[in-house]
C-alpha atoms as a PDB file:
ATOM      1  CA  MET A   1     -12.133  -3.971  16.745  1.00  0.00           C
ATOM      2  CA  THR A   2     -13.546  -1.990  13.885  1.00  0.00           C
ATOM      3  CA  GLU A   3     -15.523  -2.340  11.072  1.00  0.00           C
ATOM      4  CA  ARG A   4     -12.617  -1.719   8.991  1.00  0.00           C
ATOM      5  CA  HIS A   5     -10.346  -4.405  10.015  1.00  0.00           C
ATOM      6  CA  PHE A   6     -12.651  -7.158  11.719  1.00  0.00           C
ATOM      7  CA  GLU A   7     -11.452 -10.030   8.839  1.00  0.00           C
ATOM      8  CA  THR A   8      -8.056  -8.890   8.887  1.00  0.00           C
ATOM      9  CA  ASP A   9      -4.854 -10.900  10.487  1.00  0.00           C
ATOM     10  CA  LYS A  10      -2.673  -7.868  10.973  1.00  0.00           C
ATOM     11  CA  THR A  11       0.643  -9.612  10.927  1.00  0.00           C
ATOM     12  CA  ALA A  12      -0.097 -10.775   7.494  1.00  0.00           C
ATOM     13  CA  GLN A  13      -1.311  -7.423   6.258  1.00  0.00           C
ATOM     14  CA  PRO A  14       1.218  -5.195   4.467  1.00  0.00           C
ATOM     15  CA  LEU A  15       2.451  -2.113   6.358  1.00  0.00           C
ATOM     16  CA  VAL A  16       3.818   1.113   4.831  1.00  0.00           C
ATOM     17  CA  ARG A  17       6.210   2.689   7.182  1.00  0.00           C
ATOM     18  CA  ILE A  18       7.416   6.189   6.440  1.00  0.00           C
ATOM     19  CA  VAL A  19      10.857   7.173   8.028  1.00  0.00           C
ATOM     20  CA  ASP A  20      11.115  11.627   7.482  1.00  0.00           C
ATOM     21  CA  ASP A  21      12.456  13.751  10.072  1.00  0.00           C
ATOM     22  CA  ASP A  22       9.650  16.196   9.010  1.00  0.00           C
ATOM     23  CA  GLU A  23       6.600  15.621  11.041  1.00  0.00           C
ATOM     24  CA  GLN A  24       4.349  17.433   8.529  1.00  0.00           C
ATOM     25  CA  VAL A  25       5.648  14.949   5.575  1.00  0.00           C
ATOM     26  CA  ARG A  26       5.023  12.241   8.124  1.00  0.00           C
ATOM     27  CA  SER A  27       1.550  13.233   8.626  1.00  0.00           C
ATOM     28  CA  SER A  28       0.887  14.102   5.213  1.00  0.00           C
ATOM     29  CA  LEU A  29       2.224  11.039   3.561  1.00  0.00           C
ATOM     30  CA  ALA A  30       0.002   8.692   6.395  1.00  0.00           C
ATOM     31  CA  PHE A  31      -3.068  10.509   5.709  1.00  0.00           C
ATOM     32  CA  MET A  32      -2.557  10.147   1.936  1.00  0.00           C
ATOM     33  CA  LEU A  33      -1.688   6.403   2.008  1.00  0.00           C
ATOM     34  CA  ARG A  34      -4.527   5.693   4.588  1.00  0.00           C
ATOM     35  CA  GLN A  35      -7.136   7.055   2.325  1.00  0.00           C
ATOM     36  CA  GLU A  36      -5.520   4.488  -0.205  1.00  0.00           C
ATOM     37  CA  GLY A  37      -6.474   1.895   1.869  1.00  0.00           C
ATOM     38  CA  TYR A  38      -2.787   0.867   3.548  1.00  0.00           C
ATOM     39  CA  GLU A  39      -1.961   0.487   7.116  1.00  0.00           C
ATOM     40  CA  CYS A  40       0.712   2.962   8.032  1.00  0.00           C
ATOM     41  CA  GLU A  41       3.484   3.383  10.763  1.00  0.00           C
ATOM     42  CA  ALA A  42       5.562   6.813  10.743  1.00  0.00           C
ATOM     43  CA  TYR A  43       9.140   6.762  12.396  1.00  0.00           C
ATOM     44  CA  GLU A  44      10.765  10.300  12.717  1.00  0.00           C
ATOM     45  CA  SER A  45      14.398   8.921  12.267  1.00  0.00           C
ATOM     46  CA  ALA A  46      16.227   6.049  11.177  1.00  0.00           C
ATOM     47  CA  ARG A  47      17.043   4.686  14.555  1.00  0.00           C
ATOM     48  CA  ALA A  48      13.643   4.910  15.463  1.00  0.00           C
ATOM     49  CA  PHE A  49      12.606   2.717  12.495  1.00  0.00           C
ATOM     50  CA  LEU A  50      15.356  -0.033  13.267  1.00  0.00           C
ATOM     51  CA  THR A  51      14.030  -0.018  17.022  1.00  0.00           C
ATOM     52  CA  GLY A  52      10.568  -0.157  16.474  1.00  0.00           C
ATOM     53  CA  ASP A  53      10.071  -2.147  13.546  1.00  0.00           C
ATOM     54  CA  SER A  54       8.496  -5.541  12.775  1.00  0.00           C
ATOM     55  CA  PRO A  55      10.927  -6.734   9.838  1.00  0.00           C
ATOM     56  CA  SER A  56       8.814  -9.886   9.589  1.00  0.00           C
ATOM     57  CA  ARG A  57       5.457  -8.017   8.521  1.00  0.00           C
ATOM     58  CA  PRO A  58       5.271  -7.392   4.710  1.00  0.00           C
ATOM     59  CA  GLY A  59       4.801  -4.275   3.065  1.00  0.00           C
ATOM     60  CA  CYS A  60       7.792  -1.335   2.339  1.00  0.00           C
ATOM     61  CA  LEU A  61       9.381   1.454   3.425  1.00  0.00           C
ATOM     62  CA  VAL A  62       8.751   5.150   2.249  1.00  0.00           C
ATOM     63  CA  LEU A  63      12.085   6.700   3.011  1.00  0.00           C
ATOM     64  CA  ASP A  64      13.880  10.371   2.969  1.00  0.00           C
ATOM     65  CA  VAL A  65      16.775  10.527   1.634  1.00  0.00           C
ATOM     66  CA  ARG A  66      18.428  13.338   3.593  1.00  0.00           C
ATOM     67  CA  MET A  67      17.878  13.037   7.227  1.00  0.00           C
ATOM     68  CA  PRO A  68      19.971  14.139  10.358  1.00  0.00           C
ATOM     69  CA  ASP A  69      22.285  11.431  12.010  1.00  0.00           C
ATOM     70  CA  MET A  70      21.721   8.487   9.907  1.00  0.00           C
ATOM     71  CA  THR A  71      20.449   9.476   6.320  1.00  0.00           C
ATOM     72  CA  GLY A  72      18.173   7.476   4.131  1.00  0.00           C
ATOM     73  CA  LEU A  73      20.988   6.218   2.250  1.00  0.00           C
ATOM     74  CA  GLU A  74      22.903   4.844   5.527  1.00  0.00           C
ATOM     75  CA  LEU A  75      19.945   3.335   6.547  1.00  0.00           C
ATOM     76  CA  GLN A  76      19.575   1.258   2.987  1.00  0.00           C
ATOM     77  CA  ASP A  77      23.258   0.120   3.836  1.00  0.00           C
ATOM     78  CA  GLU A  78      22.515  -1.066   7.320  1.00  0.00           C
ATOM     79  CA  MET A  79      19.247  -2.940   6.014  1.00  0.00           C
ATOM     80  CA  ILE A  80      21.416  -4.689   4.041  1.00  0.00           C
ATOM     81  CA  ARG A  81      23.975  -5.653   6.611  1.00  0.00           C
ATOM     82  CA  ARG A  82      21.126  -6.865   8.663  1.00  0.00           C
ATOM     83  CA  GLY A  83      19.748  -8.773   5.814  1.00  0.00           C
ATOM     84  CA  MET A  84      16.451  -6.953   5.700  1.00  0.00           C
ATOM     85  CA  THR A  85      14.762  -7.273   2.202  1.00  0.00           C
ATOM     86  CA  LEU A  86      11.873  -4.948   2.768  1.00  0.00           C
ATOM     87  CA  PRO A  87      11.515  -2.963  -0.575  1.00  0.00           C
ATOM     88  CA  ILE A  88      12.326   0.808  -0.350  1.00  0.00           C
ATOM     89  CA  VAL A  89      10.830   3.820  -1.842  1.00  0.00           C
ATOM     90  CA  PHE A  90      13.094   6.869  -1.570  1.00  0.00           C
ATOM     91  CA  LEU A  91      11.754  10.302  -1.562  1.00  0.00           C
ATOM     92  CA  SER A  92      14.365  13.220  -2.522  1.00  0.00           C
ATOM     93  CA  ALA A  93      13.849  16.760  -2.845  1.00  0.00           C
ATOM     94  CA  HIS A  94      16.817  16.655  -4.912  1.00  0.00           C
ATOM     95  CA  GLY A  95      17.021  15.307  -8.732  1.00  0.00           C
ATOM     96  CA  ASP A  96      20.407  13.402  -8.115  1.00  0.00           C
ATOM     97  CA  ILE A  97      20.290  10.952 -10.976  1.00  0.00           C
ATOM     98  CA  ASP A  98      23.650   9.451  -9.756  1.00  0.00           C
ATOM     99  CA  MET A  99      22.041   9.050  -6.060  1.00  0.00           C
ATOM    100  CA  ALA A 100      19.073   7.299  -7.697  1.00  0.00           C
ATOM    101  CA  VAL A 101      20.975   4.858  -9.994  1.00  0.00           C
ATOM    102  CA  ASP A 102      23.131   3.797  -6.740  1.00  0.00           C
ATOM    103  CA  THR A 103      19.853   3.203  -4.700  1.00  0.00           C
ATOM    104  CA  MET A 104      18.482   1.168  -7.326  1.00  0.00           C
ATOM    105  CA  GLN A 105      21.695  -1.188  -7.790  1.00  0.00           C
ATOM    106  CA  LYS A 106      21.349  -1.447  -4.193  1.00  0.00           C
ATOM    107  CA  GLY A 107      17.757  -3.261  -4.345  1.00  0.00           C
ATOM    108  CA  ALA A 108      15.525  -0.066  -3.947  1.00  0.00           C
ATOM    109  CA  ALA A 109      12.006  -0.303  -5.288  1.00  0.00           C
ATOM    110  CA  ALA A 110      11.977   3.113  -6.778  1.00  0.00           C
ATOM    111  CA  PHE A 111      13.390   6.444  -6.252  1.00  0.00           C
ATOM    112  CA  VAL A 112      10.547   9.293  -6.608  1.00  0.00           C
ATOM    113  CA  GLN A 113      10.669  13.302  -6.293  1.00  0.00           C
ATOM    114  CA  LYS A 114       8.857  14.924  -3.535  1.00  0.00           C
ATOM    115  CA  THR A 115       7.485  17.198  -5.846  1.00  0.00           C
ATOM    116  CA  ALA A 116       5.937  14.034  -7.957  1.00  0.00           C
ATOM    117  CA  ASP A 117       2.170  13.662  -8.336  1.00  0.00           C
ATOM    118  CA  ARG A 118       0.468  11.808  -5.947  1.00  0.00           C
ATOM    119  CA  SER A 119      -0.319   8.809  -8.310  1.00  0.00           C
ATOM    120  CA  ARG A 120       3.301   8.246  -9.424  1.00  0.00           C
ATOM    121  CA  LEU A 121       4.017   7.711  -5.532  1.00  0.00           C
ATOM    122  CA  VAL A 122       1.225   5.598  -4.899  1.00  0.00           C
ATOM    123  CA  ASP A 123       2.029   3.420  -7.763  1.00  0.00           C
ATOM    124  CA  ALA A 124       5.844   2.967  -7.015  1.00  0.00           C
ATOM    125  CA  ILE A 125       4.332   2.352  -3.199  1.00  0.00           C
ATOM    126  CA  HIS A 126       1.867  -0.542  -4.461  1.00  0.00           C
ATOM    127  CA  ARG A 127       4.719  -2.170  -6.603  1.00  0.00           C
ATOM    128  CA  ALA A 128       6.734  -2.162  -3.581  1.00  0.00           C
ATOM    129  CA  VAL A 129       4.146  -3.534  -1.434  1.00  0.00           C
ATOM    130  CA  ALA A 130       3.516  -6.216  -4.357  1.00  0.00           C
ATOM    131  CA  ARG A 131       7.066  -7.274  -4.327  1.00  0.00           C
ATOM    132  CA  SER A 132       6.882  -7.979  -0.456  1.00  0.00           C
ATOM    133  CA  THR A 133       4.020 -10.038  -0.855  1.00  0.00           C
ATOM    134  CA  GLY A 134       5.679 -12.679  -3.177  1.00  0.00           C
ATOM    135  CA  PRO A 135       5.067 -12.619  -6.644  1.00  0.00           C
ATOM    136  CA  ALA A 136       1.959 -11.322  -8.563  1.00  0.00           C
ATOM    137  CA  ALA A 137      -0.912 -13.335  -9.757  1.00  0.00           C
ATOM    138  CA  ASP A 138      -1.326 -14.229 -13.419  1.00  0.00           C
ATOM    139  CA  PRO A 139      -2.972 -10.815 -14.770  1.00  0.00           C
ATOM    140  CA  GLY A 140      -5.193 -13.353 -16.660  1.00  0.00           C
ATOM    141  CA  VAL A 141      -6.079 -14.941 -13.668  1.00  0.00           C
ATOM    142  CA  GLU A 142      -6.562 -11.521 -11.880  1.00  0.00           C
ATOM    143  CA  VAL A 143      -8.878 -10.513 -14.911  1.00  0.00           C
ATOM    144  CA  ALA A 144     -10.888 -13.833 -14.764  1.00  0.00           C
ATOM    145  CA  ARG A 145     -11.521 -13.253 -11.027  1.00  0.00           C
ATOM    146  CA  TRP A 146     -12.669  -9.789 -11.308  1.00  0.00           C
ATOM    147  CA  HIS A 147     -15.197 -10.780 -14.429  1.00  0.00           C
ATOM    148  CA  ALA A 148     -16.533 -13.564 -12.086  1.00  0.00           C
ATOM    149  CA  LEU A 149     -17.851 -10.838  -9.524  1.00  0.00           C
ATOM    150  CA  THR A 150     -21.593  -9.623 -10.167  1.00  0.00           C
ATOM    151  CA  ASP A 151     -22.214  -5.922 -11.180  1.00  0.00           C
ATOM    152  CA  ARG A 152     -23.225  -5.173  -7.154  1.00  0.00           C
ATOM    153  CA  GLU A 153     -20.059  -7.051  -6.002  1.00  0.00           C
ATOM    154  CA  ARG A 154     -17.766  -5.078  -8.258  1.00  0.00           C
ATOM    155  CA  GLU A 155     -19.499  -1.966  -7.132  1.00  0.00           C
ATOM    156  CA  VAL A 156     -18.946  -2.877  -3.537  1.00  0.00           C
ATOM    157  CA  ALA A 157     -15.308  -3.508  -4.132  1.00  0.00           C
ATOM    158  CA  GLU A 158     -14.798  -0.452  -5.746  1.00  0.00           C
ATOM    159  CA  LEU A 159     -16.692   1.692  -3.060  1.00  0.00           C
ATOM    160  CA  ILE A 160     -14.367  -0.587  -0.214  1.00  0.00           C
ATOM    161  CA  ALA A 161     -11.111   0.606  -2.108  1.00  0.00           C
ATOM    162  CA  GLU A 162     -12.382   4.071  -1.496  1.00  0.00           C
ATOM    163  CA  GLY A 163     -12.121   3.818   1.792  1.00  0.00           C
ATOM    164  CA  LEU A 164     -15.809   3.316   2.826  1.00  0.00           C
ATOM    165  CA  LEU A 165     -17.366   1.561   5.813  1.00  0.00           C
ATOM    166  CA  ASN A 166     -20.097  -0.978   5.066  1.00  0.00           C
ATOM    167  CA  ARG A 167     -22.849   1.647   6.647  1.00  0.00           C
ATOM    168  CA  GLU A 168     -21.413   3.886   3.860  1.00  0.00           C
ATOM    169  CA  VAL A 169     -21.130   1.565   1.107  1.00  0.00           C
ATOM    170  CA  GLY A 170     -24.924   0.547   1.685  1.00  0.00           C
ATOM    171  CA  GLU A 171     -25.925   4.544   1.525  1.00  0.00           C
ATOM    172  CA  ARG A 172     -23.943   4.911  -1.673  1.00  0.00           C
ATOM    173  CA  LEU A 173     -25.648   1.989  -3.291  1.00  0.00           C
ATOM    174  CA  GLY A 174     -29.146   3.221  -2.674  1.00  0.00           C
ATOM    175  CA  GLY A 175     -29.722   2.539   1.185  1.00  0.00           C
ATOM    176  CA  ILE A 176     -29.209  -1.648   0.877  1.00  0.00           C
ATOM    177  CA  SER A 177     -28.865  -2.814   4.603  1.00  0.00           C
ATOM    178  CA  VAL A 178     -25.357  -3.412   6.306  1.00  0.00           C
ATOM    179  CA  LYS A 179     -25.901  -7.133   6.499  1.00  0.00           C
ATOM    180  CA  THR A 180     -26.547  -7.255   2.545  1.00  0.00           C
ATOM    181  CA  VAL A 181     -23.025  -5.320   2.096  1.00  0.00           C
ATOM    182  CA  GLN A 182     -21.074  -7.724   4.326  1.00  0.00           C
ATOM    183  CA  VAL A 183     -22.714 -10.746   2.454  1.00  0.00           C
ATOM    184  CA  HIS A 184     -21.530  -9.140  -1.011  1.00  0.00           C
ATOM    185  CA  ARG A 185     -17.850  -8.197   0.677  1.00  0.00           C
ATOM    186  CA  GLY A 186     -17.560 -11.719   1.640  1.00  0.00           C
ATOM    187  CA  GLU A 187     -18.383 -12.945  -1.900  1.00  0.00           C
ATOM    188  CA  VAL A 188     -15.861 -10.540  -3.095  1.00  0.00           C
ATOM    189  CA  CYS A 189     -13.096 -11.738  -0.755  1.00  0.00           C
ATOM    190  CA  ARG A 190     -13.925 -15.296  -1.675  1.00  0.00           C
ATOM    191  CA  LYS A 191     -13.907 -14.982  -5.427  1.00  0.00           C
ATOM    192  CA  LEU A 192     -10.862 -12.400  -5.494  1.00  0.00           C
ATOM    193  CA  GLY A 193      -8.768 -14.600  -3.049  1.00  0.00           C
ATOM    194  CA  VAL A 194      -8.163 -11.654  -0.560  1.00  0.00           C
ATOM    195  CA  LYS A 195      -8.820 -10.925   2.991  1.00  0.00           C
ATOM    196  CA  GLY A 196     -10.488  -7.560   4.569  1.00  0.00           C
ATOM    197  CA  ALA A 197     -10.634  -3.807   3.055  1.00  0.00           C
ATOM    198  CA  SER A 198      -6.684  -3.655   2.152  1.00  0.00           C
ATOM    199  CA  GLY A 199      -6.781  -6.933   0.430  1.00  0.00           C
ATOM    200  CA  ILE A 200      -9.630  -5.895  -1.477  1.00  0.00           C
ATOM    201  CA  SER A 201      -8.367  -2.259  -2.311  1.00  0.00           C
ATOM    202  CA  GLN A 202      -5.068  -3.601  -3.615  1.00  0.00           C
ATOM    203  CA  ALA A 203      -6.799  -6.211  -5.748  1.00  0.00           C
ATOM    204  CA  VAL A 204      -9.089  -3.237  -7.159  1.00  0.00           C
ATOM    205  CA  ARG A 205      -5.803  -1.246  -7.897  1.00  0.00           C
ATOM    206  CA  ARG A 206      -4.232  -4.153  -9.707  1.00  0.00           C
ATOM    207  CA  ILE A 207      -7.220  -4.614 -12.156  1.00  0.00           C
ATOM    208  CA  ARG A 208      -7.381  -1.106 -12.517  1.00  0.00           C
ATOM    209  CA  ALA A 209      -3.633  -1.170 -13.790  1.00  0.00           C
ATOM    210  CA  ILE A 210      -4.224  -3.944 -15.789  1.00  0.00           C
ATOM    211  CA  LEU A 211      -7.635  -2.906 -17.391  1.00  0.00           C
ATOM    212  CA  GLY A 212      -7.813   0.690 -16.978  1.00  0.00           C
ATOM    213  CA  ASP A 213     -10.293   2.845 -15.120  1.00  0.00           C
ATOM    214  CA  GLU A 214     -12.683   2.687 -18.074  1.00  0.00           C
ATOM    215  CA  GLU A 215     -12.517  -1.138 -18.358  1.00  0.00           C
ATOM    216  CA  ALA A 216     -12.228  -1.942 -14.643  1.00  0.00           C
END
């Protein structure tokens, strides 16, 4: 058990599934999303996803449109047939408006070009994950919770959202002890109503979206 996950019930934490037949794309997306604080699972085909995934776990599916054997569009249809409600973020190398409209009408969370910048894709994934974990908290409540944190607790939360371990957070904050960081981290979780590094990361992203980076 690592320092990052000791507080986390993994079956309740969001999981981002990546389905793309291109190994380089899978690896690149997984690396990027882990930097954003997400846990990821990558599949090389639609059928591998259908066989290997745990559909009860919240999160989302990042899905390539064009794949051999079963395309992303066919996988969406199969998920609908099976009653699978996992939000889908489609990735496409082609700007097909009709295709995008069709997938959205069938319930896709987003349709993003593979050439889009990182922030657009991350925002789409964040919205999809939020959809799977239930209604978002009232923005006013989230802001009030954020402002209930002390300055040091906000610093700890922001560094955890960057993917730093407790030891690394302590070093960045002038050499405070790991035990002190753990105390602050526990208070952050309690006040924000979240669990673990993933929950803190998601809360920080929501606050930044509500307030903007400067105010948060």
